[in-house]
Amino acid sequence: MDQSYGVAAYRSRQQVMKINDLLRRNGISSSVVSTPREISAGCGLSVRFNINDAANVKRIVSREKNANLIGLYRVDPSLGRGRLSVL
């Protein structure tokens, strides 16, 4: 069982809420979570999504062309300190 998940990190809380809503309207299950500490910049909130939806999330996020995006990441809790990788 893959416990990995995706995170979209933004600098703006407003953008986090907007993307979370946009993903849900496009049928992608998502939630607002605290940003992983390895991502030091930002507002402290990110959007969590199922890693299997990563391609669709990338497509939706890229259409938004928002400068507040810090990045899209894969989080694998089983890897400890090296648990974060760029999608």
Protein backbone atom coordinates (compact mmCIF):
# COMPACT_ATOMS: atom_id res chain seq x y z
CA MET A 1 0.00 0.00 0.00
CA ASP A 2 1.43 3.36 -1.08
CA GLN A 3 1.17 5.92 1.73
CA SER A 4 2.68 8.66 -0.43
CA TYR A 5 0.65 11.73 -1.21
CA GLY A 6 1.04 14.96 -3.13
CA VAL A 7 1.28 18.51 -1.84
CA ALA A 8 0.83 21.78 -3.71
CA ALA A 9 2.59 24.54 -1.75
CA TYR A 10 1.75 28.22 -2.21
CA ARG A 11 2.87 31.53 -0.73
CA SER A 12 -0.72 32.74 -0.31
CA ARG A 13 -3.50 31.29 1.85
CA GLN A 14 -6.01 32.69 -0.62
CA GLN A 15 -4.39 30.71 -3.44
CA VAL A 16 -4.38 27.52 -1.33
CA MET A 17 -8.14 27.86 -0.82
CA LYS A 18 -8.71 28.63 -4.51
CA ILE A 19 -6.71 25.62 -5.74
CA ASN A 20 -8.33 23.31 -3.19
CA ASP A 21 -11.75 24.39 -4.44
CA LEU A 22 -10.67 24.09 -8.09
CA LEU A 23 -9.37 20.55 -7.58
CA ARG A 24 -12.58 19.49 -5.87
CA ARG A 25 -14.69 20.99 -8.67
CA ASN A 26 -12.64 18.87 -11.07
CA GLY A 27 -13.37 15.68 -9.13
CA ILE A 28 -10.03 15.45 -7.30
CA SER A 29 -10.18 14.72 -3.59
CA SER A 30 -8.06 17.28 -1.74
CA SER A 31 -7.68 18.98 1.61
CA VAL A 32 -5.90 21.93 3.18
CA VAL A 33 -3.01 20.83 5.42
CA SER A 34 0.01 22.35 7.14
CA THR A 35 2.94 22.72 4.77
CA PRO A 36 5.69 20.15 5.43
CA ARG A 37 8.57 21.79 7.31
CA GLU A 38 11.03 20.91 4.53
CA ILE A 39 9.31 23.58 2.44
CA SER A 40 10.45 26.66 4.34
CA ALA A 41 8.84 29.42 2.26
CA GLY A 42 5.14 30.02 2.09
CA CYS A 43 2.06 30.77 4.12
CA GLY A 44 2.11 27.58 6.20
CA LEU A 45 -0.77 25.90 4.35
CA SER A 46 -0.74 23.59 1.34
CA VAL A 47 -3.17 21.45 -0.61
CA ARG A 48 -2.86 17.69 -0.11
CA PHE A 49 -4.00 15.29 -2.85
CA ASN A 50 -3.78 11.62 -3.76
CA ILE A 51 -0.47 10.93 -5.51
CA ASN A 52 -2.37 8.99 -8.20
CA ASP A 53 -3.99 12.30 -9.21
CA ALA A 54 -0.63 14.06 -9.68
CA ALA A 55 -0.85 14.33 -13.48
CA ASN A 56 -4.32 15.89 -13.32
CA VAL A 57 -3.27 18.23 -10.51
CA LYS A 58 -0.26 19.38 -12.55
CA ARG A 59 -2.51 20.06 -15.53
CA ILE A 60 -5.01 22.06 -13.49
CA VAL A 61 -2.34 24.01 -11.60
CA SER A 62 -0.44 24.84 -14.79
CA ARG A 63 -3.59 26.38 -16.30
CA GLU A 64 -3.73 28.80 -13.37
CA LYS A 65 -0.25 30.26 -14.08
CA ASN A 66 0.03 31.66 -10.58
CA ALA A 67 3.28 33.19 -9.33
CA ASN A 68 2.38 32.19 -5.76
CA LEU A 69 3.08 28.50 -6.46
CA ILE A 70 6.14 27.30 -4.57
CA GLY A 71 5.94 23.81 -6.05
CA LEU A 72 4.30 20.41 -6.30
CA TYR A 73 5.82 17.69 -4.15
CA ARG A 74 5.54 13.99 -3.43
CA VAL A 75 5.63 13.20 0.28
CA ASP A 76 6.61 9.68 1.33
CA PRO A 77 6.36 9.45 5.14
CA SER A 78 8.19 6.10 5.21
CA LEU A 79 11.45 7.75 4.03
CA GLY A 80 12.00 9.93 7.10
CA ARG A 81 14.14 13.01 6.39
CA GLY A 82 14.36 12.35 2.63
CA ARG A 83 10.62 12.05 2.31
CA LEU A 84 10.06 15.02 -0.01
CA SER A 85 10.65 15.08 -3.76
CA VAL A 86 9.62 17.49 -6.50
CA LEU A 87 6.87 16.30 -8.86
